[in-house]
Amino acid sequence: MVDSTEVKEQLTKSFVQVQDTLFRDSKINLRFSGSTCVSVLIVGTKVFCANVGDSRAVLVRSVGQSDQMTAIPLNRDHKADEADEEARIIKNGGRVQPYRDMHGNPLGPLRVWHLKEDIPGLAMTRSFGDQAAAQVGVIATPEILEMNLIEGDHFIILASDGVWEFISNEEAAQIILPHYKNNSAEKAAEAIIKESIKRWQEEDTSIDDITCIIIFLNIN
């Protein structure tokens, strides 16, 4: 029998330990450097997803007896437009606003700033590192979702926000599906990465981090 409480406690401790070790021992300049993290732990037929930031894990499950699939997010993106996340930033002396151009026009998503300084401009509310952001309430404490896996669960996608910027959960599932049927997780990941790069090139002059892991499941 899986002790869900203990699993979640240990996952949380591991995230806290990573953050503490980074701040205490790392030689990396962490003032404006950091990382998101999305992770899954499968214990028997339970999956635990621990997340900080805006990377995402998605479980793809068949619907009924048909070939139709549904894409189920295993975490939420930690963005500044989430009411509870914004409230924590404000409570810790920060502010939440979009970047503004030289004319004062808002550009892009809401970001985390110091109250009286235009730093760090982080577009997420939880991360590892990011010392300047941590001073105003950006944390490395994970949210943890627990879910029972069932026979119709086929694969899990873990990917950074560079994948999800222009590809929906459902589109990602359809891109991977033919490679799942051919039992090639490597080709599935390559297909997601190639499509992500293509869409960035169509939409922007730069490309965000694109990282992807595909886990094929065999649930009995």
C-alpha atoms as a PDB file:
ATOM      1  CA  MET A   1       0.000   0.000   0.000  1.00  0.00           C
ATOM      2  CA  VAL A   2       1.384   3.380  -1.018  1.00  0.00           C
ATOM      3  CA  ASP A   3       1.522   5.965   1.762  1.00  0.00           C
ATOM      4  CA  SER A   4       0.596   9.031  -0.279  1.00  0.00           C
ATOM      5  CA  THR A   5       1.281  11.440   2.568  1.00  0.00           C
ATOM      6  CA  GLU A   6       4.812  10.135   3.035  1.00  0.00           C
ATOM      7  CA  VAL A   7       5.530  10.237  -0.708  1.00  0.00           C
ATOM      8  CA  LYS A   8       4.399  13.864  -0.927  1.00  0.00           C
ATOM      9  CA  GLU A   9       6.395  14.820   2.161  1.00  0.00           C
ATOM     10  CA  GLN A  10       9.562  13.291   0.719  1.00  0.00           C
ATOM     11  CA  LEU A  11       9.048  14.937  -2.661  1.00  0.00           C
ATOM     12  CA  THR A  12       8.603  18.302  -0.963  1.00  0.00           C
ATOM     13  CA  LYS A  13      11.724  17.751   1.153  1.00  0.00           C
ATOM     14  CA  SER A  14      13.739  16.923  -1.961  1.00  0.00           C
ATOM     15  CA  PHE A  15      12.711  20.173  -3.655  1.00  0.00           C
ATOM     16  CA  VAL A  16      13.510  22.192  -0.549  1.00  0.00           C
ATOM     17  CA  GLN A  17      16.896  20.470  -0.261  1.00  0.00           C
ATOM     18  CA  VAL A  18      17.740  21.309  -3.890  1.00  0.00           C
ATOM     19  CA  GLN A  19      16.921  24.967  -3.294  1.00  0.00           C
ATOM     20  CA  ASP A  20      18.884  25.091  -0.035  1.00  0.00           C
ATOM     21  CA  THR A  21      21.892  23.415  -1.650  1.00  0.00           C
ATOM     22  CA  LEU A  22      21.828  25.831  -4.589  1.00  0.00           C
ATOM     23  CA  PHE A  23      21.763  28.871  -2.324  1.00  0.00           C
ATOM     24  CA  ARG A  24      24.362  27.485   0.089  1.00  0.00           C
ATOM     25  CA  ASP A  25      26.873  25.629  -2.092  1.00  0.00           C
ATOM     26  CA  SER A  26      26.429  26.499  -5.769  1.00  0.00           C
ATOM     27  CA  LYS A  27      29.063  28.532  -7.578  1.00  0.00           C
ATOM     28  CA  ILE A  28      26.478  29.557 -10.175  1.00  0.00           C
ATOM     29  CA  ASN A  29      25.444  33.218 -10.096  1.00  0.00           C
ATOM     30  CA  LEU A  30      21.820  32.685  -9.094  1.00  0.00           C
ATOM     31  CA  ARG A  31      20.682  36.297  -8.827  1.00  0.00           C
ATOM     32  CA  PHE A  32      18.862  36.146 -12.159  1.00  0.00           C
ATOM     33  CA  SER A  33      19.379  32.474 -13.024  1.00  0.00           C
ATOM     34  CA  GLY A  34      17.060  29.608 -12.173  1.00  0.00           C
ATOM     35  CA  SER A  35      15.065  26.689 -13.466  1.00  0.00           C
ATOM     36  CA  THR A  36      11.597  25.262 -13.517  1.00  0.00           C
ATOM     37  CA  CYS A  37      11.069  21.597 -12.650  1.00  0.00           C
ATOM     38  CA  VAL A  38       8.310  19.153 -13.459  1.00  0.00           C
ATOM     39  CA  SER A  39       8.773  15.574 -12.275  1.00  0.00           C
ATOM     40  CA  VAL A  40       6.710  12.410 -12.039  1.00  0.00           C
ATOM     41  CA  LEU A  41       7.108   9.512  -9.638  1.00  0.00           C
ATOM     42  CA  ILE A  42       5.194   6.325 -10.447  1.00  0.00           C
ATOM     43  CA  VAL A  43       4.619   3.965  -7.524  1.00  0.00           C
ATOM     44  CA  GLY A  44       2.596   0.927  -8.494  1.00  0.00           C
ATOM     45  CA  THR A  45      -0.470   2.328 -10.237  1.00  0.00           C
ATOM     46  CA  LYS A  46      -0.216   5.797  -8.702  1.00  0.00           C
ATOM     47  CA  VAL A  47       1.513   8.752 -10.305  1.00  0.00           C
ATOM     48  CA  PHE A  48       2.721  11.741  -8.303  1.00  0.00           C
ATOM     49  CA  CYS A  49       3.590  14.907 -10.189  1.00  0.00           C
ATOM     50  CA  ALA A  50       5.697  17.503  -8.345  1.00  0.00           C
ATOM     51  CA  ASN A  51       6.117  20.847 -10.071  1.00  0.00           C
ATOM     52  CA  VAL A  52       7.573  24.325  -9.726  1.00  0.00           C
ATOM     53  CA  GLY A  53       7.244  26.773 -12.588  1.00  0.00           C
ATOM     54  CA  ASP A  54       5.661  26.522 -16.002  1.00  0.00           C
ATOM     55  CA  SER A  55       6.974  23.250 -17.356  1.00  0.00           C
ATOM     56  CA  ARG A  56       4.171  20.725 -17.690  1.00  0.00           C
ATOM     57  CA  ALA A  57       3.359  17.023 -17.459  1.00  0.00           C
ATOM     58  CA  VAL A  58       0.414  15.641 -19.427  1.00  0.00           C
ATOM     59  CA  LEU A  59      -1.123  12.174 -19.157  1.00  0.00           C
ATOM     60  CA  VAL A  60      -2.745  10.820 -22.338  1.00  0.00           C
ATOM     61  CA  ARG A  61      -5.640   8.438 -21.770  1.00  0.00           C
ATOM     62  CA  SER A  62      -7.989   6.630 -24.178  1.00  0.00           C
ATOM     63  CA  VAL A  63     -11.699   7.406 -24.010  1.00  0.00           C
ATOM     64  CA  GLY A  64     -14.024   4.403 -23.940  1.00  0.00           C
ATOM     65  CA  GLN A  65     -13.403   1.731 -26.592  1.00  0.00           C
ATOM     66  CA  SER A  66     -12.581   4.179 -29.388  1.00  0.00           C
ATOM     67  CA  ASP A  67      -9.246   5.580 -30.605  1.00  0.00           C
ATOM     68  CA  GLN A  68     -10.154   8.939 -29.112  1.00  0.00           C
ATOM     69  CA  MET A  69      -7.658  10.295 -26.594  1.00  0.00           C
ATOM     70  CA  THR A  70      -7.909  12.849 -23.820  1.00  0.00           C
ATOM     71  CA  ALA A  71      -4.920  14.843 -22.550  1.00  0.00           C
ATOM     72  CA  ILE A  72      -4.957  15.388 -18.785  1.00  0.00           C
ATOM     73  CA  PRO A  73      -2.547  17.942 -17.275  1.00  0.00           C
ATOM     74  CA  LEU A  74      -0.850  16.613 -14.134  1.00  0.00           C
ATOM     75  CA  ASN A  75       0.077  20.058 -12.847  1.00  0.00           C
ATOM     76  CA  ARG A  76      -0.806  23.701 -13.265  1.00  0.00           C
ATOM     77  CA  ASP A  77       1.555  26.303 -14.681  1.00  0.00           C
ATOM     78  CA  HIS A  78       2.810  28.638 -11.974  1.00  0.00           C
ATOM     79  CA  LYS A  79       2.092  31.947 -13.653  1.00  0.00           C
ATOM     80  CA  ALA A  80       1.568  35.375 -12.117  1.00  0.00           C
ATOM     81  CA  ASP A  81      -2.030  35.497 -13.388  1.00  0.00           C
ATOM     82  CA  GLU A  82      -2.999  32.752 -10.910  1.00  0.00           C
ATOM     83  CA  ALA A  83      -4.763  34.589  -8.069  1.00  0.00           C
ATOM     84  CA  ASP A  84      -3.101  32.731  -5.179  1.00  0.00           C
ATOM     85  CA  GLU A  85       0.343  33.003  -6.752  1.00  0.00           C
ATOM     86  CA  GLU A  86      -0.063  36.736  -7.334  1.00  0.00           C
ATOM     87  CA  ALA A  87      -1.275  37.209  -3.755  1.00  0.00           C
ATOM     88  CA  ARG A  88       1.877  35.563  -2.380  1.00  0.00           C
ATOM     89  CA  ILE A  89       4.126  37.830  -4.459  1.00  0.00           C
ATOM     90  CA  ILE A  90       2.308  40.960  -3.289  1.00  0.00           C
ATOM     91  CA  LYS A  91       2.336  39.774   0.342  1.00  0.00           C
ATOM     92  CA  ASN A  92       6.126  39.404   0.104  1.00  0.00           C
ATOM     93  CA  GLY A  93       6.671  42.934  -1.128  1.00  0.00           C
ATOM     94  CA  GLY A  94       6.704  42.341  -4.865  1.00  0.00           C
ATOM     95  CA  ARG A  95       4.472  43.509  -7.687  1.00  0.00           C
ATOM     96  CA  VAL A  96       2.913  41.741 -10.638  1.00  0.00           C
ATOM     97  CA  GLN A  97       2.813  43.626 -13.937  1.00  0.00           C
ATOM     98  CA  PRO A  98       3.643  43.014 -17.594  1.00  0.00           C
ATOM     99  CA  TYR A  99       6.814  44.383 -19.138  1.00  0.00           C
ATOM    100  CA  ARG A 100       6.217  47.838 -20.621  1.00  0.00           C
ATOM    101  CA  ASP A 101       7.840  49.430 -23.658  1.00  0.00           C
ATOM    102  CA  MET A 102       9.320  52.947 -23.743  1.00  0.00           C
ATOM    103  CA  HIS A 103       5.820  54.376 -24.242  1.00  0.00           C
ATOM    104  CA  GLY A 104       4.383  52.529 -21.247  1.00  0.00           C
ATOM    105  CA  ASN A 105       2.443  50.008 -23.312  1.00  0.00           C
ATOM    106  CA  PRO A 106       2.156  46.517 -21.746  1.00  0.00           C
ATOM    107  CA  LEU A 107       3.943  43.709 -23.579  1.00  0.00           C
ATOM    108  CA  GLY A 108       3.634  39.984 -22.974  1.00  0.00           C
ATOM    109  CA  PRO A 109       2.572  38.090 -19.855  1.00  0.00           C
ATOM    110  CA  LEU A 110       2.391  39.249 -16.247  1.00  0.00           C
ATOM    111  CA  ARG A 111       5.789  39.156 -14.550  1.00  0.00           C
ATOM    112  CA  VAL A 112       7.222  39.298 -11.032  1.00  0.00           C
ATOM    113  CA  TRP A 113       9.080  42.502 -10.080  1.00  0.00           C
ATOM    114  CA  HIS A 114      10.542  44.100  -6.989  1.00  0.00           C
ATOM    115  CA  LEU A 115       8.268  46.818  -5.692  1.00  0.00           C
ATOM    116  CA  LYS A 116      10.569  49.738  -6.574  1.00  0.00           C
ATOM    117  CA  GLU A 117      12.972  48.143  -9.060  1.00  0.00           C
ATOM    118  CA  ASP A 118      12.394  46.734 -12.524  1.00  0.00           C
ATOM    119  CA  ILE A 119      13.932  43.375 -11.610  1.00  0.00           C
ATOM    120  CA  PRO A 120      13.769  40.437 -12.149  1.00  0.00           C
ATOM    121  CA  GLY A 121      10.801  40.373 -14.561  1.00  0.00           C
ATOM    122  CA  LEU A 122      10.289  36.634 -14.069  1.00  0.00           C
ATOM    123  CA  ALA A 123       7.292  35.202 -15.941  1.00  0.00           C
ATOM    124  CA  MET A 124       6.699  32.453 -13.360  1.00  0.00           C
ATOM    125  CA  THR A 125       6.040  32.401  -9.627  1.00  0.00           C
ATOM    126  CA  ARG A 126       7.927  29.260  -8.562  1.00  0.00           C
ATOM    127  CA  SER A 127      11.402  28.102  -9.513  1.00  0.00           C
ATOM    128  CA  PHE A 128      14.767  26.841  -8.318  1.00  0.00           C
ATOM    129  CA  GLY A 129      17.389  29.555  -7.890  1.00  0.00           C
ATOM    130  CA  ASP A 130      16.348  33.054  -9.031  1.00  0.00           C
ATOM    131  CA  GLN A 131      17.522  34.768  -5.832  1.00  0.00           C
ATOM    132  CA  ALA A 132      16.206  38.193  -6.806  1.00  0.00           C
ATOM    133  CA  ALA A 133      12.768  36.703  -7.395  1.00  0.00           C
ATOM    134  CA  ALA A 134      12.932  34.627  -4.212  1.00  0.00           C
ATOM    135  CA  GLN A 135      13.235  37.883  -2.250  1.00  0.00           C
ATOM    136  CA  VAL A 136       9.665  38.773  -3.280  1.00  0.00           C
ATOM    137  CA  GLY A 137       7.896  35.440  -2.855  1.00  0.00           C
ATOM    138  CA  VAL A 138       8.972  33.219  -5.753  1.00  0.00           C
ATOM    139  CA  ILE A 139       9.356  29.818  -4.076  1.00  0.00           C
ATOM    140  CA  ALA A 140      10.681  26.340  -4.822  1.00  0.00           C
ATOM    141  CA  THR A 141       7.972  24.532  -2.846  1.00  0.00           C
ATOM    142  CA  PRO A 142       6.263  22.130  -5.258  1.00  0.00           C
ATOM    143  CA  GLU A 143       2.601  21.554  -5.834  1.00  0.00           C
ATOM    144  CA  ILE A 144       2.008  17.800  -5.925  1.00  0.00           C
ATOM    145  CA  LEU A 145      -0.823  16.062  -7.741  1.00  0.00           C
ATOM    146  CA  GLU A 146      -1.658  12.421  -7.116  1.00  0.00           C
ATOM    147  CA  MET A 147      -3.607  10.329  -9.615  1.00  0.00           C
ATOM    148  CA  ASN A 148      -4.492   6.668 -10.059  1.00  0.00           C
ATOM    149  CA  LEU A 149      -3.333   5.205 -13.360  1.00  0.00           C
ATOM    150  CA  ILE A 150      -5.781   2.991 -15.255  1.00  0.00           C
ATOM    151  CA  GLU A 151      -5.523   0.512 -18.113  1.00  0.00           C
ATOM    152  CA  GLY A 152      -6.379   3.145 -20.723  1.00  0.00           C
ATOM    153  CA  ASP A 153      -3.410   5.366 -19.816  1.00  0.00           C
ATOM    154  CA  HIS A 154      -0.894   5.275 -22.669  1.00  0.00           C
ATOM    155  CA  PHE A 155       1.860   7.818 -22.154  1.00  0.00           C
ATOM    156  CA  ILE A 156       3.025  10.853 -20.199  1.00  0.00           C
ATOM    157  CA  ILE A 157       4.611  13.949 -21.762  1.00  0.00           C
ATOM    158  CA  LEU A 158       6.986  16.063 -19.676  1.00  0.00           C
ATOM    159  CA  ALA A 159       8.120  19.244 -21.391  1.00  0.00           C
ATOM    160  CA  SER A 160       9.408  22.743 -20.753  1.00  0.00           C
ATOM    161  CA  ASP A 161       7.312  25.797 -21.585  1.00  0.00           C
ATOM    162  CA  GLY A 162       9.061  26.171 -24.947  1.00  0.00           C
ATOM    163  CA  VAL A 163       7.030  23.158 -26.085  1.00  0.00           C
ATOM    164  CA  TRP A 164       3.732  24.359 -24.650  1.00  0.00           C
ATOM    165  CA  GLU A 165       3.986  27.945 -25.903  1.00  0.00           C
ATOM    166  CA  PHE A 166       2.474  27.074 -29.298  1.00  0.00           C
ATOM    167  CA  ILE A 167       1.370  23.434 -28.910  1.00  0.00           C
ATOM    168  CA  SER A 168      -1.713  22.472 -26.900  1.00  0.00           C
ATOM    169  CA  ASN A 169      -1.923  19.368 -24.719  1.00  0.00           C
ATOM    170  CA  GLU A 170      -4.232  17.723 -27.260  1.00  0.00           C
ATOM    171  CA  GLU A 171      -1.990  18.569 -30.227  1.00  0.00           C
ATOM    172  CA  ALA A 172       1.011  17.091 -28.443  1.00  0.00           C
ATOM    173  CA  ALA A 173      -0.931  13.880 -27.834  1.00  0.00           C
ATOM    174  CA  GLN A 174      -1.800  13.592 -31.536  1.00  0.00           C
ATOM    175  CA  ILE A 175       1.808  14.241 -32.593  1.00  0.00           C
ATOM    176  CA  ILE A 176       3.021  11.430 -30.325  1.00  0.00           C
ATOM    177  CA  LEU A 177       0.235   8.908 -30.987  1.00  0.00           C
ATOM    178  CA  PRO A 178       1.618   7.329 -34.207  1.00  0.00           C
ATOM    179  CA  HIS A 179       5.024   6.871 -32.572  1.00  0.00           C
ATOM    180  CA  TYR A 180       3.339   5.334 -29.528  1.00  0.00           C
ATOM    181  CA  LYS A 181       1.694   2.807 -31.813  1.00  0.00           C
ATOM    182  CA  ASN A 182       5.149   2.023 -33.270  1.00  0.00           C
ATOM    183  CA  ASN A 183       6.629   1.795 -29.740  1.00  0.00           C
ATOM    184  CA  SER A 184       9.246   4.498 -30.344  1.00  0.00           C
ATOM    185  CA  ALA A 185       9.450   6.987 -27.482  1.00  0.00           C
ATOM    186  CA  GLU A 186      12.633   8.485 -28.964  1.00  0.00           C
ATOM    187  CA  LYS A 187      10.931   9.328 -32.263  1.00  0.00           C
ATOM    188  CA  ALA A 188       7.946  10.689 -30.332  1.00  0.00           C
ATOM    189  CA  ALA A 189      10.191  13.109 -28.442  1.00  0.00           C
ATOM    190  CA  GLU A 190      11.979  14.097 -31.666  1.00  0.00           C
ATOM    191  CA  ALA A 191       8.626  14.821 -33.337  1.00  0.00           C
ATOM    192  CA  ILE A 192       7.537  17.099 -30.472  1.00  0.00           C
ATOM    193  CA  ILE A 193      10.846  18.981 -30.524  1.00  0.00           C
ATOM    194  CA  LYS A 194      10.817  19.464 -34.304  1.00  0.00           C
ATOM    195  CA  GLU A 195       7.226  20.726 -34.283  1.00  0.00           C
ATOM    196  CA  SER A 196       7.984  23.076 -31.381  1.00  0.00           C
ATOM    197  CA  ILE A 197      10.974  24.583 -33.213  1.00  0.00           C
ATOM    198  CA  LYS A 198       8.904  24.975 -36.391  1.00  0.00           C
ATOM    199  CA  ARG A 199       6.163  26.878 -34.596  1.00  0.00           C
ATOM    200  CA  TRP A 200       8.608  29.159 -32.783  1.00  0.00           C
ATOM    201  CA  GLN A 201      10.225  30.007 -36.121  1.00  0.00           C
ATOM    202  CA  GLU A 202       6.795  30.860 -37.527  1.00  0.00           C
ATOM    203  CA  GLU A 203       5.790  33.019 -34.563  1.00  0.00           C
ATOM    204  CA  ASP A 204       8.942  34.646 -33.153  1.00  0.00           C
ATOM    205  CA  THR A 205      12.526  35.676 -33.845  1.00  0.00           C
ATOM    206  CA  SER A 206      13.882  33.674 -30.899  1.00  0.00           C
ATOM    207  CA  ILE A 207      13.268  30.185 -29.517  1.00  0.00           C
ATOM    208  CA  ASP A 208      12.670  29.400 -25.853  1.00  0.00           C
ATOM    209  CA  ASP A 209      14.061  26.315 -24.116  1.00  0.00           C
ATOM    210  CA  ILE A 210      12.619  23.155 -25.687  1.00  0.00           C
ATOM    211  CA  THR A 211      13.042  20.017 -23.574  1.00  0.00           C
ATOM    212  CA  CYS A 212      10.848  16.925 -23.757  1.00  0.00           C
ATOM    213  CA  ILE A 213      10.635  13.466 -22.166  1.00  0.00           C
ATOM    214  CA  ILE A 214       8.069  10.850 -23.222  1.00  0.00           C
ATOM    215  CA  ILE A 215       7.127   7.949 -20.936  1.00  0.00           C
ATOM    216  CA  PHE A 216       5.223   5.044 -22.470  1.00  0.00           C
ATOM    217  CA  LEU A 217       3.009   3.253 -19.942  1.00  0.00           C
ATOM    218  CA  ASN A 218       1.934  -0.373 -19.620  1.00  0.00           C
ATOM    219  CA  ILE A 219      -0.762  -0.412 -16.946  1.00  0.00           C
ATOM    220  CA  ASN A 220      -2.259  -3.762 -15.953  1.00  0.00           C
END
